[in-house]
């Protein structure tokens, strides 16, 4: 880490897994079981390749070349999709599953928004480089000479398109290009060192990411708004215990979905959990119980968050 860059400047906070709180948050992400399982496996291989080697020795002892191909993938996973689709929440909590499965301690380092800097020449590049310096140094301490790693590091870059925007853009400033170069060098350093570390990037604009960054992704997980069954699961889990029956839940599922002729998009996960649910509770509190009919009225009065378009201004 370069002199003058404190951890507070580089990272929003430091989270350690396993931990009960992120485990609980992850369990609330209904309808994303496939994404959870896939991301957990990917990160498990990236931060602790010894697990895959053990599996190969047990089931496919002659698959050396295939094993090498899988393990040589860059330590980057991109989560891409619409706003409020659960990308950041999954990225911030999936480390708990990986830590428990791999039986190692994991540390999540969410890159601070201040890493964009104040516009001074060279500042963003210096901050990004310092963040990767710290990540590499911490991961190097956890690398084992052979066998299972002693721990792992996950570097989380939210709103990644703000830092990793394509260098092909004609209007891109030289400082922004240098920042993208620093990101790519950091990812390559982790890969070259075969360190127990991984990078997760979250973005609403996959197409805006630099092609060299996209090429380095071991996988890209796409996120969309909850479908009918996912909305039903979210609503039932939260309103069912309040005595809201299946008929009222069904009406709420329809009310929070796309509307033919008026809107093509339904509610996001965050629309359901951060806007609709609090509105229903606060409407009833403190003098009356939650009622299905009133909950439906509230749902119909709340417009869903508009979809993020790739050309939208930030």
C-alpha atoms as a PDB file:
ATOM      1  CA  UNK A   1       0.000   0.000   0.000  1.00  0.00           C
ATOM      2  CA  UNK A   2       1.459   3.361  -0.995  1.00  0.00           C
ATOM      3  CA  UNK A   3       2.242   5.944   1.627  1.00  0.00           C
ATOM      4  CA  UNK A   4      -0.605   8.294   2.398  1.00  0.00           C
ATOM      5  CA  UNK A   5      -3.386   5.846   1.465  1.00  0.00           C
ATOM      6  CA  UNK A   6      -5.114   4.601   4.623  1.00  0.00           C
ATOM      7  CA  UNK A   7      -7.400   1.579   4.611  1.00  0.00           C
ATOM      8  CA  UNK A   8     -10.292   3.966   5.179  1.00  0.00           C
ATOM      9  CA  UNK A   9      -9.524   5.703   1.896  1.00  0.00           C
ATOM     10  CA  UNK A  10      -9.287   2.449  -0.030  1.00  0.00           C
ATOM     11  CA  UNK A  11     -12.086   0.309   1.390  1.00  0.00           C
ATOM     12  CA  UNK A  12     -15.540   1.090   2.743  1.00  0.00           C
ATOM     13  CA  UNK A  13     -15.095  -1.500   5.493  1.00  0.00           C
ATOM     14  CA  UNK A  14     -13.572  -4.893   6.153  1.00  0.00           C
ATOM     15  CA  UNK A  15     -15.837  -7.940   6.545  1.00  0.00           C
ATOM     16  CA  UNK A  16     -14.712 -11.349   7.772  1.00  0.00           C
ATOM     17  CA  UNK A  17     -16.458 -14.661   7.083  1.00  0.00           C
ATOM     18  CA  UNK A  18     -17.918 -16.923   8.328  1.00  0.00           C
ATOM     19  CA  UNK A  19     -20.293 -14.683  10.227  1.00  0.00           C
ATOM     20  CA  UNK A  20     -23.930 -14.992  11.240  1.00  0.00           C
ATOM     21  CA  UNK A  21     -25.114 -11.595   9.959  1.00  0.00           C
ATOM     22  CA  UNK A  22     -24.180 -12.084   6.266  1.00  0.00           C
ATOM     23  CA  UNK A  23     -25.439 -15.669   6.492  1.00  0.00           C
ATOM     24  CA  UNK A  24     -28.858 -14.289   7.469  1.00  0.00           C
ATOM     25  CA  UNK A  25     -28.784 -11.647   4.730  1.00  0.00           C
ATOM     26  CA  UNK A  26     -27.866 -14.250   2.119  1.00  0.00           C
ATOM     27  CA  UNK A  27     -30.766 -16.484   3.184  1.00  0.00           C
ATOM     28  CA  UNK A  28     -33.167 -13.601   2.489  1.00  0.00           C
ATOM     29  CA  UNK A  29     -32.111 -13.512  -1.174  1.00  0.00           C
ATOM     30  CA  UNK A  30     -34.817 -15.808  -2.476  1.00  0.00           C
ATOM     31  CA  UNK A  31     -34.995 -16.891  -6.098  1.00  0.00           C
ATOM     32  CA  UNK A  32     -31.237 -16.657  -6.615  1.00  0.00           C
ATOM     33  CA  UNK A  33     -30.259 -20.189  -5.620  1.00  0.00           C
ATOM     34  CA  UNK A  34     -28.552 -20.937  -8.956  1.00  0.00           C
ATOM     35  CA  UNK A  35     -26.532 -17.732  -8.749  1.00  0.00           C
ATOM     36  CA  UNK A  36     -25.585 -18.457  -5.136  1.00  0.00           C
ATOM     37  CA  UNK A  37     -24.376 -21.964  -5.928  1.00  0.00           C
ATOM     38  CA  UNK A  38     -22.513 -20.953  -9.081  1.00  0.00           C
ATOM     39  CA  UNK A  39     -20.781 -17.954  -7.523  1.00  0.00           C
ATOM     40  CA  UNK A  40     -19.839 -19.909  -4.399  1.00  0.00           C
ATOM     41  CA  UNK A  41     -18.190 -22.613  -6.510  1.00  0.00           C
ATOM     42  CA  UNK A  42     -16.366 -20.074  -8.647  1.00  0.00           C
ATOM     43  CA  UNK A  43     -15.008 -18.187  -5.662  1.00  0.00           C
ATOM     44  CA  UNK A  44     -14.156 -21.421  -3.886  1.00  0.00           C
ATOM     45  CA  UNK A  45     -11.951 -22.469  -6.799  1.00  0.00           C
ATOM     46  CA  UNK A  46     -10.353 -19.042  -7.090  1.00  0.00           C
ATOM     47  CA  UNK A  47      -9.432 -18.598  -3.441  1.00  0.00           C
ATOM     48  CA  UNK A  48      -8.746 -22.259  -2.684  1.00  0.00           C
ATOM     49  CA  UNK A  49      -7.783 -24.285  -5.800  1.00  0.00           C
ATOM     50  CA  UNK A  50      -6.599 -27.133  -3.549  1.00  0.00           C
ATOM     51  CA  UNK A  51     -10.244 -28.133  -3.209  1.00  0.00           C
ATOM     52  CA  UNK A  52     -10.522 -28.817  -6.946  1.00  0.00           C
ATOM     53  CA  UNK A  53      -7.211 -30.670  -6.912  1.00  0.00           C
ATOM     54  CA  UNK A  54      -8.479 -32.907  -4.133  1.00  0.00           C
ATOM     55  CA  UNK A  55     -11.670 -33.560  -6.124  1.00  0.00           C
ATOM     56  CA  UNK A  56      -9.662 -34.451  -9.251  1.00  0.00           C
ATOM     57  CA  UNK A  57      -7.423 -36.880  -7.360  1.00  0.00           C
ATOM     58  CA  UNK A  58     -10.505 -38.581  -5.984  1.00  0.00           C
ATOM     59  CA  UNK A  59     -12.637 -38.751  -9.133  1.00  0.00           C
ATOM     60  CA  UNK A  60     -10.475 -38.001 -12.198  1.00  0.00           C
ATOM     61  CA  UNK A  61      -6.778 -38.625 -11.466  1.00  0.00           C
ATOM     62  CA  UNK A  62      -5.839 -38.402 -15.159  1.00  0.00           C
ATOM     63  CA  UNK A  63      -7.435 -35.007 -15.827  1.00  0.00           C
ATOM     64  CA  UNK A  64      -4.306 -32.913 -15.325  1.00  0.00           C
ATOM     65  CA  UNK A  65      -4.684 -30.769 -18.456  1.00  0.00           C
ATOM     66  CA  UNK A  66      -8.369 -30.087 -17.804  1.00  0.00           C
ATOM     67  CA  UNK A  67      -7.584 -29.192 -14.211  1.00  0.00           C
ATOM     68  CA  UNK A  68      -4.905 -26.753 -15.348  1.00  0.00           C
ATOM     69  CA  UNK A  69      -7.333 -25.148 -17.812  1.00  0.00           C
ATOM     70  CA  UNK A  70      -9.928 -24.564 -15.073  1.00  0.00           C
ATOM     71  CA  UNK A  71      -7.429 -23.262 -12.537  1.00  0.00           C
ATOM     72  CA  UNK A  72      -5.710 -20.878 -14.971  1.00  0.00           C
ATOM     73  CA  UNK A  73      -8.813 -18.722 -15.357  1.00  0.00           C
ATOM     74  CA  UNK A  74      -8.356 -15.117 -14.181  1.00  0.00           C
ATOM     75  CA  UNK A  75      -9.560 -14.390 -10.626  1.00  0.00           C
ATOM     76  CA  UNK A  76     -12.481 -12.195 -11.727  1.00  0.00           C
ATOM     77  CA  UNK A  77     -16.250 -12.676 -11.642  1.00  0.00           C
ATOM     78  CA  UNK A  78     -18.638 -10.055 -13.049  1.00  0.00           C
ATOM     79  CA  UNK A  79     -22.196  -9.685 -11.742  1.00  0.00           C
ATOM     80  CA  UNK A  80     -24.240  -7.766 -14.299  1.00  0.00           C
ATOM     81  CA  UNK A  81     -27.861  -6.724 -14.419  1.00  0.00           C
ATOM     82  CA  UNK A  82     -30.574  -4.207 -13.682  1.00  0.00           C
ATOM     83  CA  UNK A  83     -30.710  -2.046 -10.567  1.00  0.00           C
ATOM     84  CA  UNK A  84     -32.151  -3.662  -7.461  1.00  0.00           C
ATOM     85  CA  UNK A  85     -31.653  -7.206  -8.769  1.00  0.00           C
ATOM     86  CA  UNK A  86     -29.553  -8.425  -5.829  1.00  0.00           C
ATOM     87  CA  UNK A  87     -26.047  -8.171  -7.318  1.00  0.00           C
ATOM     88  CA  UNK A  88     -24.390  -6.181  -4.550  1.00  0.00           C
ATOM     89  CA  UNK A  89     -26.203  -7.980  -1.732  1.00  0.00           C
ATOM     90  CA  UNK A  90     -25.069 -11.338  -3.115  1.00  0.00           C
ATOM     91  CA  UNK A  91     -21.511 -10.084  -3.610  1.00  0.00           C
ATOM     92  CA  UNK A  92     -21.359  -8.798  -0.023  1.00  0.00           C
ATOM     93  CA  UNK A  93     -22.662 -12.008   1.571  1.00  0.00           C
ATOM     94  CA  UNK A  94     -21.572 -14.965  -0.595  1.00  0.00           C
ATOM     95  CA  UNK A  95     -18.228 -15.080   1.196  1.00  0.00           C
ATOM     96  CA  UNK A  96     -19.974 -16.693   4.158  1.00  0.00           C
ATOM     97  CA  UNK A  97     -20.932 -19.751   2.071  1.00  0.00           C
ATOM     98  CA  UNK A  98     -17.439 -20.009   0.593  1.00  0.00           C
ATOM     99  CA  UNK A  99     -15.787 -19.720   4.008  1.00  0.00           C
ATOM    100  CA  UNK A 100     -17.974 -22.449   5.499  1.00  0.00           C
ATOM    101  CA  UNK A 101     -17.666 -24.755   2.475  1.00  0.00           C
ATOM    102  CA  UNK A 102     -13.891 -24.389   2.117  1.00  0.00           C
ATOM    103  CA  UNK A 103     -13.357 -24.261   5.900  1.00  0.00           C
ATOM    104  CA  UNK A 104     -11.196 -21.149   5.696  1.00  0.00           C
ATOM    105  CA  UNK A 105     -11.541 -17.552   6.851  1.00  0.00           C
ATOM    106  CA  UNK A 106     -12.354 -15.071   4.100  1.00  0.00           C
ATOM    107  CA  UNK A 107     -12.016 -11.297   4.145  1.00  0.00           C
ATOM    108  CA  UNK A 108     -14.151  -9.047   1.933  1.00  0.00           C
ATOM    109  CA  UNK A 109     -12.678  -5.677   0.959  1.00  0.00           C
ATOM    110  CA  UNK A 110     -15.294  -3.446  -0.765  1.00  0.00           C
ATOM    111  CA  UNK A 111     -13.438  -0.806  -2.772  1.00  0.00           C
ATOM    112  CA  UNK A 112     -14.467   2.639  -1.558  1.00  0.00           C
ATOM    113  CA  UNK A 113     -16.238   5.066  -3.862  1.00  0.00           C
ATOM    114  CA  UNK A 114     -13.464   7.498  -2.949  1.00  0.00           C
ATOM    115  CA  UNK A 115     -11.217   5.402  -5.187  1.00  0.00           C
ATOM    116  CA  UNK A 116     -12.640   7.458  -8.031  1.00  0.00           C
ATOM    117  CA  UNK A 117     -10.578  10.285  -6.520  1.00  0.00           C
ATOM    118  CA  UNK A 118     -11.131  14.015  -6.671  1.00  0.00           C
ATOM    119  CA  UNK A 119     -10.037  14.421 -10.260  1.00  0.00           C
ATOM    120  CA  UNK A 120      -6.388  15.228  -9.530  1.00  0.00           C
ATOM    121  CA  UNK A 121      -3.952  13.854 -12.085  1.00  0.00           C
ATOM    122  CA  UNK A 122      -2.848  10.335 -11.204  1.00  0.00           C
ATOM    123  CA  UNK A 123      -5.019  10.116  -8.079  1.00  0.00           C
ATOM    124  CA  UNK A 124      -7.457   7.441  -9.253  1.00  0.00           C
ATOM    125  CA  UNK A 125      -4.687   5.282 -10.644  1.00  0.00           C
ATOM    126  CA  UNK A 126      -2.739   5.593  -7.389  1.00  0.00           C
ATOM    127  CA  UNK A 127      -5.755   4.639  -5.278  1.00  0.00           C
ATOM    128  CA  UNK A 128      -6.637   1.617  -7.436  1.00  0.00           C
ATOM    129  CA  UNK A 129      -3.019   0.456  -7.429  1.00  0.00           C
ATOM    130  CA  UNK A 130      -2.853   0.878  -3.645  1.00  0.00           C
ATOM    131  CA  UNK A 131      -6.037  -1.182  -3.208  1.00  0.00           C
ATOM    132  CA  UNK A 132      -4.556  -4.013  -5.247  1.00  0.00           C
ATOM    133  CA  UNK A 133      -1.220  -3.673  -3.415  1.00  0.00           C
ATOM    134  CA  UNK A 134      -3.044  -4.263  -0.137  1.00  0.00           C
ATOM    135  CA  UNK A 135      -5.112  -7.135  -1.573  1.00  0.00           C
ATOM    136  CA  UNK A 136      -2.017  -8.866  -2.966  1.00  0.00           C
ATOM    137  CA  UNK A 137      -0.043  -8.383   0.256  1.00  0.00           C
ATOM    138  CA  UNK A 138      -2.866  -9.791   2.403  1.00  0.00           C
ATOM    139  CA  UNK A 139      -3.450 -12.745   0.062  1.00  0.00           C
ATOM    140  CA  UNK A 140       0.269 -13.550  -0.066  1.00  0.00           C
ATOM    141  CA  UNK A 141       0.249 -14.076   3.709  1.00  0.00           C
ATOM    142  CA  UNK A 142      -2.496 -16.679   3.303  1.00  0.00           C
ATOM    143  CA  UNK A 143      -0.981 -18.636   0.429  1.00  0.00           C
ATOM    144  CA  UNK A 144       0.156 -22.113   1.380  1.00  0.00           C
ATOM    145  CA  UNK A 145       3.225 -23.759  -0.136  1.00  0.00           C
ATOM    146  CA  UNK A 146       1.087 -26.810  -0.774  1.00  0.00           C
ATOM    147  CA  UNK A 147      -2.432 -27.887   0.064  1.00  0.00           C
ATOM    148  CA  UNK A 148      -5.283 -25.801   1.429  1.00  0.00           C
ATOM    149  CA  UNK A 149      -4.862 -22.026   1.698  1.00  0.00           C
ATOM    150  CA  UNK A 150      -4.925 -20.545   5.194  1.00  0.00           C
ATOM    151  CA  UNK A 151      -7.549 -17.998   4.150  1.00  0.00           C
ATOM    152  CA  UNK A 152      -8.679 -15.869   1.227  1.00  0.00           C
ATOM    153  CA  UNK A 153      -9.389 -12.297   0.119  1.00  0.00           C
ATOM    154  CA  UNK A 154     -12.304 -11.018  -1.992  1.00  0.00           C
ATOM    155  CA  UNK A 155     -11.964  -7.534  -3.489  1.00  0.00           C
ATOM    156  CA  UNK A 156     -15.410  -6.132  -4.317  1.00  0.00           C
ATOM    157  CA  UNK A 157     -15.726  -3.372  -6.922  1.00  0.00           C
ATOM    158  CA  UNK A 158     -19.313  -2.088  -7.044  1.00  0.00           C
ATOM    159  CA  UNK A 159     -20.491   0.157  -9.896  1.00  0.00           C
ATOM    160  CA  UNK A 160     -17.503  -1.207 -11.771  1.00  0.00           C
ATOM    161  CA  UNK A 161     -18.401   0.545 -15.024  1.00  0.00           C
ATOM    162  CA  UNK A 162     -17.411   3.845 -13.346  1.00  0.00           C
ATOM    163  CA  UNK A 163     -13.838   2.554 -12.954  1.00  0.00           C
ATOM    164  CA  UNK A 164     -13.518   0.038 -15.769  1.00  0.00           C
ATOM    165  CA  UNK A 165     -15.239   1.898 -18.585  1.00  0.00           C
ATOM    166  CA  UNK A 166     -14.101   0.904 -22.051  1.00  0.00           C
ATOM    167  CA  UNK A 167     -10.923   2.640 -23.185  1.00  0.00           C
ATOM    168  CA  UNK A 168     -12.377   2.598 -26.694  1.00  0.00           C
ATOM    169  CA  UNK A 169     -14.692   5.492 -25.774  1.00  0.00           C
ATOM    170  CA  UNK A 170     -13.567   8.523 -27.737  1.00  0.00           C
ATOM    171  CA  UNK A 171     -14.414  10.955 -24.932  1.00  0.00           C
ATOM    172  CA  UNK A 172     -12.513   9.015 -22.275  1.00  0.00           C
ATOM    173  CA  UNK A 173     -10.012  11.072 -20.308  1.00  0.00           C
ATOM    174  CA  UNK A 174      -6.383   9.974 -20.080  1.00  0.00           C
ATOM    175  CA  UNK A 175      -6.705   9.595 -16.294  1.00  0.00           C
ATOM    176  CA  UNK A 176      -9.644   7.203 -16.730  1.00  0.00           C
ATOM    177  CA  UNK A 177      -7.638   5.109 -19.194  1.00  0.00           C
ATOM    178  CA  UNK A 178      -4.787   4.926 -16.705  1.00  0.00           C
ATOM    179  CA  UNK A 179      -7.235   3.779 -14.027  1.00  0.00           C
ATOM    180  CA  UNK A 180      -8.497   0.950 -16.236  1.00  0.00           C
ATOM    181  CA  UNK A 181      -4.898  -0.072 -16.915  1.00  0.00           C
ATOM    182  CA  UNK A 182      -4.284  -0.187 -13.149  1.00  0.00           C
ATOM    183  CA  UNK A 183      -7.324  -2.443 -12.686  1.00  0.00           C
ATOM    184  CA  UNK A 184      -6.140  -4.842 -15.356  1.00  0.00           C
ATOM    185  CA  UNK A 185      -2.621  -4.945 -13.928  1.00  0.00           C
ATOM    186  CA  UNK A 186      -4.050  -5.683 -10.474  1.00  0.00           C
ATOM    187  CA  UNK A 187      -6.150  -8.599 -11.719  1.00  0.00           C
ATOM    188  CA  UNK A 188      -3.157  -9.975 -13.617  1.00  0.00           C
ATOM    189  CA  UNK A 189      -0.946  -9.693 -10.517  1.00  0.00           C
ATOM    190  CA  UNK A 190      -3.344 -11.848  -8.504  1.00  0.00           C
ATOM    191  CA  UNK A 191      -3.494 -14.405 -11.312  1.00  0.00           C
ATOM    192  CA  UNK A 192       0.274 -14.491 -11.850  1.00  0.00           C
ATOM    193  CA  UNK A 193       0.918 -14.971  -8.138  1.00  0.00           C
ATOM    194  CA  UNK A 194      -1.679 -17.766  -7.890  1.00  0.00           C
ATOM    195  CA  UNK A 195      -2.893 -16.063  -4.749  1.00  0.00           C
ATOM    196  CA  UNK A 196      -5.954 -17.083  -2.695  1.00  0.00           C
ATOM    197  CA  UNK A 197      -7.861 -14.008  -3.834  1.00  0.00           C
ATOM    198  CA  UNK A 198     -10.672 -13.083  -6.180  1.00  0.00           C
ATOM    199  CA  UNK A 199     -12.208  -9.903  -7.582  1.00  0.00           C
ATOM    200  CA  UNK A 200     -15.977  -9.398  -7.899  1.00  0.00           C
ATOM    201  CA  UNK A 201     -17.227  -6.589 -10.124  1.00  0.00           C
ATOM    202  CA  UNK A 202     -20.870  -5.464 -10.050  1.00  0.00           C
ATOM    203  CA  UNK A 203     -22.250  -3.381 -12.905  1.00  0.00           C
ATOM    204  CA  UNK A 204     -25.532  -2.176 -14.371  1.00  0.00           C
ATOM    205  CA  UNK A 205     -23.825  -1.681 -17.735  1.00  0.00           C
ATOM    206  CA  UNK A 206     -21.932  -4.764 -18.834  1.00  0.00           C
ATOM    207  CA  UNK A 207     -21.462  -3.331 -22.300  1.00  0.00           C
ATOM    208  CA  UNK A 208     -19.647  -0.318 -20.848  1.00  0.00           C
ATOM    209  CA  UNK A 209     -16.858  -2.403 -19.323  1.00  0.00           C
ATOM    210  CA  UNK A 210     -13.537  -2.403 -21.115  1.00  0.00           C
ATOM    211  CA  UNK A 211     -13.190  -5.454 -23.419  1.00  0.00           C
ATOM    212  CA  UNK A 212      -9.911  -6.432 -21.737  1.00  0.00           C
ATOM    213  CA  UNK A 213     -11.703  -6.519 -18.370  1.00  0.00           C
ATOM    214  CA  UNK A 214     -14.561  -8.612 -19.751  1.00  0.00           C
ATOM    215  CA  UNK A 215     -12.108 -11.062 -21.321  1.00  0.00           C
ATOM    216  CA  UNK A 216     -10.519 -11.623 -17.920  1.00  0.00           C
ATOM    217  CA  UNK A 217     -13.773 -12.659 -16.285  1.00  0.00           C
ATOM    218  CA  UNK A 218     -13.866 -16.310 -15.264  1.00  0.00           C
ATOM    219  CA  UNK A 219     -17.638 -15.945 -15.502  1.00  0.00           C
ATOM    220  CA  UNK A 220     -20.348 -13.325 -15.974  1.00  0.00           C
ATOM    221  CA  UNK A 221     -23.536 -13.851 -13.970  1.00  0.00           C
ATOM    222  CA  UNK A 222     -26.584 -12.051 -15.345  1.00  0.00           C
ATOM    223  CA  UNK A 223     -29.270 -10.711 -12.992  1.00  0.00           C
ATOM    224  CA  UNK A 224     -32.825  -9.721 -13.879  1.00  0.00           C
ATOM    225  CA  UNK A 225     -35.934  -8.560 -12.061  1.00  0.00           C
ATOM    226  CA  UNK A 226     -37.809 -11.217 -10.068  1.00  0.00           C
ATOM    227  CA  UNK A 227     -40.256 -13.299 -12.059  1.00  0.00           C
ATOM    228  CA  UNK A 228     -43.695 -14.312 -10.807  1.00  0.00           C
ATOM    229  CA  UNK A 229     -42.522 -17.250  -8.692  1.00  0.00           C
ATOM    230  CA  UNK A 230     -39.690 -15.206  -7.184  1.00  0.00           C
ATOM    231  CA  UNK A 231     -42.033 -12.342  -6.267  1.00  0.00           C
ATOM    232  CA  UNK A 232     -44.415 -14.857  -4.719  1.00  0.00           C
ATOM    233  CA  UNK A 233     -41.585 -16.320  -2.612  1.00  0.00           C
ATOM    234  CA  UNK A 234     -40.506 -12.868  -1.375  1.00  0.00           C
ATOM    235  CA  UNK A 235     -44.059 -11.768  -0.547  1.00  0.00           C
ATOM    236  CA  UNK A 236     -45.086 -15.054   1.063  1.00  0.00           C
ATOM    237  CA  UNK A 237     -42.014 -15.192   3.301  1.00  0.00           C
ATOM    238  CA  UNK A 238     -42.682 -11.714   4.668  1.00  0.00           C
ATOM    239  CA  UNK A 239     -46.462 -11.327   4.600  1.00  0.00           C
ATOM    240  CA  UNK A 240     -47.563 -14.922   5.151  1.00  0.00           C
ATOM    241  CA  UNK A 241     -46.690 -14.848   8.878  1.00  0.00           C
ATOM    242  CA  UNK A 242     -48.924 -11.758   9.206  1.00  0.00           C
ATOM    243  CA  UNK A 243     -51.949 -13.758   8.117  1.00  0.00           C
ATOM    244  CA  UNK A 244     -52.048 -12.587   4.492  1.00  0.00           C
ATOM    245  CA  UNK A 245     -53.559 -15.470   2.532  1.00  0.00           C
ATOM    246  CA  UNK A 246     -52.737 -16.971  -0.841  1.00  0.00           C
ATOM    247  CA  UNK A 247     -55.416 -15.010  -2.701  1.00  0.00           C
ATOM    248  CA  UNK A 248     -54.102 -11.660  -1.468  1.00  0.00           C
ATOM    249  CA  UNK A 249     -50.502 -12.775  -2.106  1.00  0.00           C
ATOM    250  CA  UNK A 250     -51.517 -13.700  -5.665  1.00  0.00           C
ATOM    251  CA  UNK A 251     -53.031 -10.256  -6.185  1.00  0.00           C
ATOM    252  CA  UNK A 252     -49.835  -8.625  -4.890  1.00  0.00           C
ATOM    253  CA  UNK A 253     -47.733 -10.797  -7.204  1.00  0.00           C
ATOM    254  CA  UNK A 254     -49.780  -9.567 -10.159  1.00  0.00           C
ATOM    255  CA  UNK A 255     -49.686  -5.946  -8.990  1.00  0.00           C
ATOM    256  CA  UNK A 256     -45.899  -5.941  -8.698  1.00  0.00           C
ATOM    257  CA  UNK A 257     -45.287  -7.521 -12.104  1.00  0.00           C
ATOM    258  CA  UNK A 258     -45.184  -6.082 -15.625  1.00  0.00           C
ATOM    259  CA  UNK A 259     -48.399  -4.459 -16.840  1.00  0.00           C
ATOM    260  CA  UNK A 260     -49.469  -5.128 -20.400  1.00  0.00           C
ATOM    261  CA  UNK A 261     -50.046  -1.854 -22.183  1.00  0.00           C
ATOM    262  CA  UNK A 262     -48.678   0.365 -19.409  1.00  0.00           C
ATOM    263  CA  UNK A 263     -45.250  -0.850 -18.303  1.00  0.00           C
ATOM    264  CA  UNK A 264     -42.982  -3.643 -19.440  1.00  0.00           C
ATOM    265  CA  UNK A 265     -41.120  -3.949 -16.142  1.00  0.00           C
ATOM    266  CA  UNK A 266     -42.127  -5.174 -12.717  1.00  0.00           C
ATOM    267  CA  UNK A 267     -40.749  -4.487  -9.261  1.00  0.00           C
ATOM    268  CA  UNK A 268     -37.113  -5.137  -8.464  1.00  0.00           C
ATOM    269  CA  UNK A 269     -36.075  -7.167  -5.423  1.00  0.00           C
ATOM    270  CA  UNK A 270     -35.210  -3.930  -3.630  1.00  0.00           C
ATOM    271  CA  UNK A 271     -38.569  -2.403  -4.626  1.00  0.00           C
ATOM    272  CA  UNK A 272     -40.252  -5.285  -2.822  1.00  0.00           C
ATOM    273  CA  UNK A 273     -38.092  -5.380   0.295  1.00  0.00           C
ATOM    274  CA  UNK A 274     -37.001  -1.761   0.729  1.00  0.00           C
ATOM    275  CA  UNK A 275     -40.044   0.149  -0.534  1.00  0.00           C
ATOM    276  CA  UNK A 276     -43.190  -1.963  -0.594  1.00  0.00           C
ATOM    277  CA  UNK A 277     -42.735  -3.891   2.665  1.00  0.00           C
ATOM    278  CA  UNK A 278     -41.863  -0.838   4.791  1.00  0.00           C
ATOM    279  CA  UNK A 279     -44.750   1.093   3.227  1.00  0.00           C
ATOM    280  CA  UNK A 280     -47.210  -1.672   4.145  1.00  0.00           C
ATOM    281  CA  UNK A 281     -45.944  -1.886   7.722  1.00  0.00           C
ATOM    282  CA  UNK A 282     -45.812   1.875   8.309  1.00  0.00           C
ATOM    283  CA  UNK A 283     -49.338   2.270   6.925  1.00  0.00           C
ATOM    284  CA  UNK A 284     -50.694  -0.134   9.537  1.00  0.00           C
ATOM    285  CA  UNK A 285     -48.480   0.866  12.459  1.00  0.00           C
ATOM    286  CA  UNK A 286     -49.276   1.590  15.280  1.00  0.00           C
ATOM    287  CA  UNK A 287     -53.045   1.200  15.462  1.00  0.00           C
ATOM    288  CA  UNK A 288     -54.118  -1.660  13.157  1.00  0.00           C
ATOM    289  CA  UNK A 289     -52.928  -4.970  11.688  1.00  0.00           C
ATOM    290  CA  UNK A 290     -51.697  -5.362   8.141  1.00  0.00           C
ATOM    291  CA  UNK A 291     -54.577  -6.202   5.794  1.00  0.00           C
ATOM    292  CA  UNK A 292     -54.316  -7.818   2.369  1.00  0.00           C
ATOM    293  CA  UNK A 293     -56.681  -5.407   0.627  1.00  0.00           C
ATOM    294  CA  UNK A 294     -54.830  -2.364   1.937  1.00  0.00           C
ATOM    295  CA  UNK A 295     -51.466  -3.915   1.046  1.00  0.00           C
ATOM    296  CA  UNK A 296     -52.714  -4.294  -2.526  1.00  0.00           C
ATOM    297  CA  UNK A 297     -53.775  -0.637  -2.650  1.00  0.00           C
ATOM    298  CA  UNK A 298     -50.296   0.396  -1.549  1.00  0.00           C
ATOM    299  CA  UNK A 299     -48.634  -1.872  -4.107  1.00  0.00           C
ATOM    300  CA  UNK A 300     -50.756  -0.386  -6.896  1.00  0.00           C
ATOM    301  CA  UNK A 301     -49.799   3.138  -5.806  1.00  0.00           C
ATOM    302  CA  UNK A 302     -46.037   2.504  -5.931  1.00  0.00           C
ATOM    303  CA  UNK A 303     -44.345   2.674  -9.325  1.00  0.00           C
ATOM    304  CA  UNK A 304     -41.400   0.273  -9.777  1.00  0.00           C
ATOM    305  CA  UNK A 305     -37.907   1.616 -10.265  1.00  0.00           C
ATOM    306  CA  UNK A 306     -37.386   2.336 -13.989  1.00  0.00           C
ATOM    307  CA  UNK A 307     -34.976  -0.022 -15.752  1.00  0.00           C
ATOM    308  CA  UNK A 308     -31.400   1.179 -16.128  1.00  0.00           C
ATOM    309  CA  UNK A 309     -30.632   1.794 -19.784  1.00  0.00           C
ATOM    310  CA  UNK A 310     -27.062   1.412 -21.042  1.00  0.00           C
ATOM    311  CA  UNK A 311     -27.185   4.920 -22.452  1.00  0.00           C
ATOM    312  CA  UNK A 312     -28.502   6.526 -19.283  1.00  0.00           C
ATOM    313  CA  UNK A 313     -26.372   9.243 -17.755  1.00  0.00           C
ATOM    314  CA  UNK A 314     -24.839   8.288 -14.452  1.00  0.00           C
END
